[in-house]
Protein backbone atom coordinates (compact mmCIF):
# COMPACT_ATOMS: atom_id res chain seq x y z
CA MET A 1 -0.31 -0.09 -0.23
CA ASN A 2 1.62 3.17 -1.00
CA LYS A 3 1.97 6.12 1.80
CA PRO A 4 -1.21 8.33 0.54
CA ALA A 5 -3.24 5.01 1.13
CA SER A 6 -2.03 4.22 3.96
CA VAL A 7 -2.65 7.64 5.58
CA ILE A 8 -5.95 7.60 4.21
CA ASP A 9 -6.85 4.11 5.31
CA ALA A 10 -5.54 5.25 8.80
CA ILE A 11 -7.44 8.16 9.19
CA TYR A 12 -10.35 6.06 8.35
CA SER A 13 -9.73 3.70 11.51
CA ILE A 14 -9.62 6.40 13.47
CA VAL A 15 -12.40 8.40 12.62
CA ARG A 16 -14.92 4.98 11.45
CA PRO A 17 -16.58 7.09 9.56
CA VAL A 18 -20.15 5.04 9.81
CA ILE A 19 -20.50 6.13 13.43
CA PRO A 20 -20.58 10.08 12.78
CA LEU A 21 -22.51 9.88 9.62
CA LEU A 22 -25.32 8.61 11.71
CA ALA A 23 -24.72 11.26 13.84
CA THR A 24 -24.38 14.03 11.09
CA VAL A 25 -28.18 12.26 9.95
CA SER A 26 -29.44 12.90 12.81
CA TYR A 27 -28.18 16.30 12.88
CA LEU A 28 -29.43 17.20 9.52
CA MET A 29 -32.67 16.12 10.24
CA GLY A 30 -33.44 18.15 13.14
CA TYR A 31 -32.06 21.03 11.63
CA TYR A 32 -33.39 20.93 8.23
CA TRP A 33 -36.75 19.58 9.71
CA ARG A 34 -38.93 22.24 8.63
CA GLN A 35 -37.60 22.15 4.82
CA ILE A 36 -38.39 18.72 5.04
CA ILE A 37 -42.00 18.96 5.98
CA ASP A 38 -42.18 21.84 3.67
CA LEU A 39 -40.74 18.99 0.78
CA LEU A 40 -42.91 16.67 2.25
CA TYR A 41 -46.04 18.52 1.88
CA MET A 42 -44.45 19.74 -1.59
CA GLN A 43 -44.84 23.14 -0.46
CA PHE A 44 -41.61 24.06 -2.64
CA TYR A 45 -42.13 27.92 -2.70
CA ASN A 46 -41.24 28.22 1.16
CA LEU A 47 -37.44 25.97 0.13
CA ARG A 48 -36.60 29.39 -1.57
CA VAL A 49 -34.86 30.07 1.65
CA ILE A 50 -32.69 27.14 3.14
CA PRO A 51 -30.14 27.25 5.99
CA PRO A 52 -26.75 27.19 4.62
CA LEU A 53 -25.29 23.49 5.92
CA ARG A 54 -22.70 24.11 8.79
CA ILE A 55 -19.87 22.06 7.69
CA ASP A 56 -18.12 23.61 11.07
CA VAL A 57 -20.75 21.67 12.78
CA ILE A 58 -20.43 18.46 10.85
CA ALA A 59 -16.82 18.76 11.44
CA SER A 60 -17.37 18.99 15.24
CA ILE A 61 -19.02 15.44 15.00
CA PHE A 62 -16.90 13.92 12.92
CA LEU A 63 -13.64 14.79 15.40
CA ALA A 64 -16.37 14.15 18.46
CA GLY A 65 -16.88 10.58 16.22
CA ALA A 66 -12.71 10.11 16.30
CA TYR A 67 -12.28 10.70 19.99
CA SER A 68 -15.27 8.57 20.74
CA ASN A 69 -13.97 5.64 18.10
CA MET A 70 -10.46 6.23 19.94
CA LEU A 71 -11.87 5.49 23.35
CA ASN A 72 -14.12 2.58 22.10
CA SER A 73 -11.39 0.65 19.81
CA TYR A 74 -8.90 0.64 23.08
CA LYS A 75 -11.02 -1.05 25.50
CA ASP A 76 -12.48 -3.15 22.62
CA SER A 77 -8.83 -4.03 21.80
CA ILE A 78 -8.18 -5.67 25.19
CA ASP A 79 -11.04 -8.20 25.06
CA THR A 80 -13.84 -8.36 22.39
CA ASP A 81 -12.34 -7.02 19.21
CA ARG A 82 -8.94 -9.82 19.53
CA ILE A 83 -11.67 -12.51 19.40
CA ASN A 84 -13.82 -11.34 16.89
CA ASN A 85 -13.84 -12.85 13.40
CA ILE A 86 -16.92 -10.94 11.89
CA VAL A 87 -15.42 -8.50 9.63
CA LYS A 88 -17.16 -5.06 9.84
CA ASP A 89 -16.69 -1.88 9.04
CA TYR A 90 -13.13 -0.78 9.89
CA VAL A 91 -10.66 -2.45 11.27
CA ASN A 92 -9.59 -1.79 15.34
CA PRO A 93 -6.80 0.87 14.32
CA VAL A 94 -5.40 0.40 18.10
CA LEU A 95 -4.57 -3.31 17.19
CA LYS A 96 -3.92 -2.68 13.54
CA TYR A 97 -1.43 0.01 14.14
CA ASN A 98 0.10 -1.72 17.76
CA LEU A 99 -1.04 2.11 19.45
CA THR A 100 -0.33 2.30 23.23
CA LYS A 101 -2.75 3.54 25.42
CA GLU A 102 -0.77 7.45 25.39
CA MET A 103 -1.17 7.41 21.69
CA VAL A 104 -4.95 6.63 22.18
CA TRP A 105 -5.40 9.01 25.06
CA SER A 106 -3.34 11.98 22.94
CA ILE A 107 -5.10 11.02 19.49
CA ALA A 108 -8.49 10.76 21.45
CA ALA A 109 -7.50 14.54 23.74
CA LEU A 110 -6.66 16.16 20.29
CA SER A 111 -10.35 15.21 18.51
CA SER A 112 -12.07 16.28 21.39
CA ILE A 113 -10.59 19.39 21.89
CA LEU A 114 -10.40 20.46 18.17
CA SER A 115 -14.20 19.67 18.17
CA ILE A 116 -15.34 22.23 20.84
CA LEU A 117 -13.36 24.64 19.78
CA ILE A 118 -13.86 24.33 16.28
CA VAL A 119 -17.52 25.29 17.49
CA ALA A 120 -16.67 27.80 20.15
CA LEU A 121 -15.29 29.99 17.47
CA THR A 122 -18.53 29.74 14.94
CA ALA A 123 -21.40 28.30 16.95
CA PRO A 124 -20.78 28.43 20.27
CA LEU A 125 -24.62 27.65 21.00
CA VAL A 126 -23.66 24.22 19.93
CA ILE A 127 -21.02 23.36 22.89
CA PRO A 128 -23.40 22.00 24.89
CA PHE A 129 -24.48 19.35 23.12
CA ILE A 130 -20.67 18.85 21.66
CA ILE A 131 -20.03 18.38 25.00
CA LEU A 132 -22.65 15.87 25.85
CA GLY A 133 -22.30 13.60 22.70
CA LEU A 134 -18.69 13.55 24.26
CA LEU A 135 -19.39 12.56 27.93
CA ILE A 136 -21.97 9.92 26.73
CA SER A 137 -19.47 8.91 24.49
CA THR A 138 -16.93 8.72 27.77
CA ALA A 139 -19.47 6.92 29.56
CA TYR A 140 -20.61 4.02 26.93
CA SER A 141 -17.02 2.87 25.53
CA TYR A 142 -14.38 4.05 28.38
CA TYR A 143 -16.14 4.49 31.98
CA PRO A 144 -18.21 3.57 33.52
CA ARG A 145 -18.59 1.08 30.08
CA LEU A 146 -22.51 1.52 29.91
CA LYS A 147 -21.55 -1.63 26.64
CA SER A 148 -21.53 -3.57 29.23
CA TYR A 149 -24.46 -2.50 31.13
CA ALA A 150 -27.71 -3.57 28.98
CA PRO A 151 -29.93 -1.49 28.31
CA PHE A 152 -27.97 1.61 29.17
CA ASP A 153 -25.65 -0.06 25.56
CA VAL A 154 -28.83 0.84 23.54
CA ILE A 155 -30.07 3.86 25.70
CA ALA A 156 -26.29 5.24 25.32
CA ASN A 157 -25.86 5.09 21.33
CA THR A 158 -29.98 6.25 20.87
CA LEU A 159 -28.57 9.27 22.95
CA GLY A 160 -25.74 10.04 21.31
CA LEU A 161 -26.18 8.97 17.90
CA PHE A 162 -29.64 9.93 17.27
CA LEU A 163 -31.70 12.37 20.05
CA VAL A 164 -28.77 14.77 20.93
CA PRO A 165 -27.20 15.23 17.33
CA PHE A 166 -31.34 15.92 16.89
CA MET A 167 -31.41 18.27 19.19
CA MET A 168 -28.28 20.15 18.17
CA GLY A 169 -30.09 20.76 14.81
CA TRP A 170 -33.67 21.25 16.15
CA THR A 171 -32.76 24.12 18.60
CA SER A 172 -30.88 26.25 15.77
CA HIS A 173 -34.48 27.11 14.67
CA SER A 174 -37.19 26.32 17.24
CA LYS A 175 -37.74 26.09 20.69
CA ILE A 176 -37.92 22.53 22.68
CA GLU A 177 -41.35 22.79 23.37
CA ASN A 178 -41.87 23.01 19.84
CA LEU A 179 -41.02 19.43 19.14
CA PRO A 180 -43.33 17.37 17.78
CA VAL A 181 -42.93 15.12 20.80
CA PRO A 182 -44.47 11.23 19.93
CA THR A 183 -42.97 11.27 16.55
CA ILE A 184 -39.68 12.10 17.77
CA ALA A 185 -40.70 9.21 20.58
CA GLY A 186 -41.03 7.20 17.55
CA PHE A 187 -37.85 7.85 15.99
CA SER A 188 -36.03 7.15 18.98
CA LEU A 189 -37.26 3.96 19.27
CA MET A 190 -36.49 2.78 15.82
CA ALA A 191 -33.55 3.73 16.51
CA SER A 192 -32.60 1.41 19.65
CA SER A 193 -34.25 -1.13 17.73
CA PHE A 194 -31.37 -0.17 14.82
CA PHE A 195 -28.62 -0.39 17.74
CA THR A 196 -30.35 -3.41 19.26
CA LEU A 197 -29.71 -4.66 16.37
CA THR A 198 -25.60 -3.96 15.95
CA ALA A 199 -25.36 -5.28 19.70
CA ILE A 200 -26.38 -8.78 17.94
CA VAL A 201 -23.58 -8.59 15.64
CA ASP A 202 -21.12 -8.57 18.68
CA TYR A 203 -22.72 -11.72 20.67
CA GLU A 204 -20.48 -13.82 20.49
CA SER A 205 -17.20 -11.95 21.46
CA ASP A 206 -19.01 -9.62 23.94
CA TYR A 207 -20.17 -13.12 25.55
CA LYS A 208 -17.02 -14.91 25.62
CA ASN A 209 -15.60 -11.46 27.28
CA ASP A 210 -18.52 -11.05 29.75
CA ILE A 211 -19.97 -7.85 28.50
CA THR A 212 -23.54 -7.81 29.38
CA THR A 213 -24.84 -5.88 26.15
CA ILE A 214 -28.76 -6.20 25.45
CA ALA A 215 -28.14 -9.36 23.19
CA VAL A 216 -26.07 -10.92 25.67
CA LYS A 217 -28.87 -10.12 28.29
CA LEU A 218 -31.75 -11.13 26.22
CA GLY A 219 -30.02 -13.85 23.81
CA LEU A 220 -29.87 -13.77 20.44
CA LYS A 221 -33.62 -14.90 19.52
CA ASN A 222 -35.24 -12.37 22.42
CA SER A 223 -32.99 -9.84 20.87
CA ALA A 224 -34.02 -10.15 17.24
CA ILE A 225 -37.79 -9.95 18.47
CA LEU A 226 -36.93 -7.10 20.80
CA CYS A 227 -35.84 -4.94 17.67
CA GLY A 228 -39.15 -5.50 15.92
CA VAL A 229 -41.38 -5.16 18.73
CA LEU A 230 -39.28 -1.45 18.97
CA HIS A 231 -39.74 -0.77 15.51
CA PHE A 232 -43.33 -1.56 15.24
CA ALA A 233 -43.83 0.12 18.33
CA GLY A 234 -41.73 3.74 17.12
CA ILE A 235 -44.06 3.04 13.91
CA ILE A 236 -47.23 3.25 15.68
CA LEU A 237 -46.08 6.29 18.02
CA SER A 238 -45.05 8.01 14.54
CA MET A 239 -48.35 7.43 12.95
CA ASP A 240 -49.47 11.02 12.99
CA PHE A 241 -46.70 12.24 11.09
CA LEU A 242 -46.70 8.30 8.80
CA ARG A 243 -50.54 8.80 7.89
CA ASN A 244 -49.30 11.95 6.07
CA HIS A 245 -46.83 10.76 4.28
CA LEU A 246 -47.00 6.81 3.17
CA HIS A 247 -43.94 6.74 1.02
CA SER A 248 -42.38 7.04 4.12
CA LEU A 249 -44.55 4.42 6.26
CA VAL A 250 -43.87 1.70 3.04
CA TYR A 251 -39.79 2.30 3.77
CA LEU A 252 -40.44 1.41 7.30
CA LEU A 253 -42.72 -1.38 7.14
CA VAL A 254 -39.67 -2.38 4.64
CA ASP A 255 -37.20 -2.60 7.45
CA LEU A 256 -39.64 -3.86 9.97
CA LEU A 257 -39.97 -7.50 7.45
CA LEU A 258 -36.32 -7.21 7.44
CA TYR A 259 -36.33 -7.51 11.48
CA LEU A 260 -39.05 -10.28 11.08
CA ASP A 261 -36.84 -12.06 8.49
CA LEU A 262 -33.99 -12.22 11.32
CA ILE A 263 -36.05 -13.60 14.19
CA LYS A 264 -36.32 -17.01 11.32
CA ASN A 265 -32.79 -16.84 11.91
CA PRO A 266 -30.97 -14.47 14.74
CA THR A 267 -27.75 -14.95 14.27
CA PRO A 268 -24.17 -12.50 14.25
CA ILE A 269 -24.19 -12.67 10.64
CA LYS A 270 -27.44 -12.75 9.87
CA ALA A 271 -27.75 -9.47 11.73
CA LEU A 272 -24.94 -8.04 9.91
CA GLU A 273 -26.62 -8.58 6.80
CA ILE A 274 -29.62 -7.34 7.80
CA ILE A 275 -28.00 -3.96 9.17
CA LYS A 276 -26.19 -4.19 5.35
CA LYS A 277 -30.21 -4.59 3.78
CA ILE A 278 -31.36 -1.70 5.60
CA VAL A 279 -28.31 0.68 4.57
CA ILE A 280 -29.29 -0.29 0.95
CA VAL A 281 -33.22 0.36 1.31
CA SER A 282 -32.57 3.73 2.86
CA VAL A 283 -30.31 4.60 0.60
CA LEU A 284 -32.50 3.62 -2.39
CA TYR A 285 -35.61 5.32 -0.64
CA VAL A 286 -33.53 8.74 -0.47
CA ILE A 287 -32.58 8.53 -3.96
CA ILE A 288 -36.08 7.46 -5.64
CA MET A 289 -37.72 9.92 -3.25
CA ALA A 290 -35.16 12.77 -4.29
CA ILE A 291 -35.62 11.96 -8.16
CA TYR A 292 -39.99 12.09 -7.33
CA PHE A 293 -39.58 15.77 -5.56
CA ALA A 294 -37.75 16.77 -8.11
CA TRP A 295 -39.97 15.60 -11.14
CA ILE A 296 -42.87 17.22 -9.23
CA ALA A 297 -41.40 20.65 -8.87
CA LYS A 298 -40.38 20.74 -12.17
CA LEU A 299 -44.03 19.78 -13.04
CA MET A 300 -45.14 22.34 -10.55
CA SER A 301 -43.11 25.02 -12.21
CA GLY A 302 -44.62 24.90 -15.80
């Protein structure tokens, strides 16, 4: 591997983009909530003024993600990742590059400081959310390592990767009391379903190392059932929103079918396959809806 490729590979392993990407999507959902609603109701005239994309906040999220991943990778390098044979979205950088504890903490400290510094200079109102995210990451990955205490592993992931980033985006344009609570509560349950699914993927290595995640606590079968129950409950809670946007309901029902398929064969490998399918379905949904709304907008413009 040539030097540029090696550097890119190292950065990828340290940041593990898929994790901060989840938080970024949640943030953008909250940040552009008004525009999303206008788009769904085809009120295109309200979309003439769209808030600028906050690259600074997204950069801060990714740096916070690097902090979180370094702590999590360090702790996992001691136990679970030494015996986990499932190929995931990244390779543990601590094991891959033989990083010492001092090196891990240096990278983590630099990432967290830069994460706070960026928004301190450009978006100070965001600072509490970034700090809260860093604290949740520390509690989840390092101490007291909430990932070992079900159901706090799922709760911490839902807070850190969905609810806190969403609220960070929401508060940029609206007050908290204006939050559509049932809808966001439903979305939170669906996020919890997904994070339960990710716990199933690591079941074997967590079980062997006495890390009591939700999957280890309940077992594979019950965890798979919980995924379906949480997702279905989320749909019901969000029904006031979804009944007006049937395409979103159809997308979520497809996800529900995938969870039901997992119940038939609740294994870590199957859970990983379901995650990949959910990602594919989500990407296809976004692409189809983007094409559809662009076509409608063109028709309405004459």
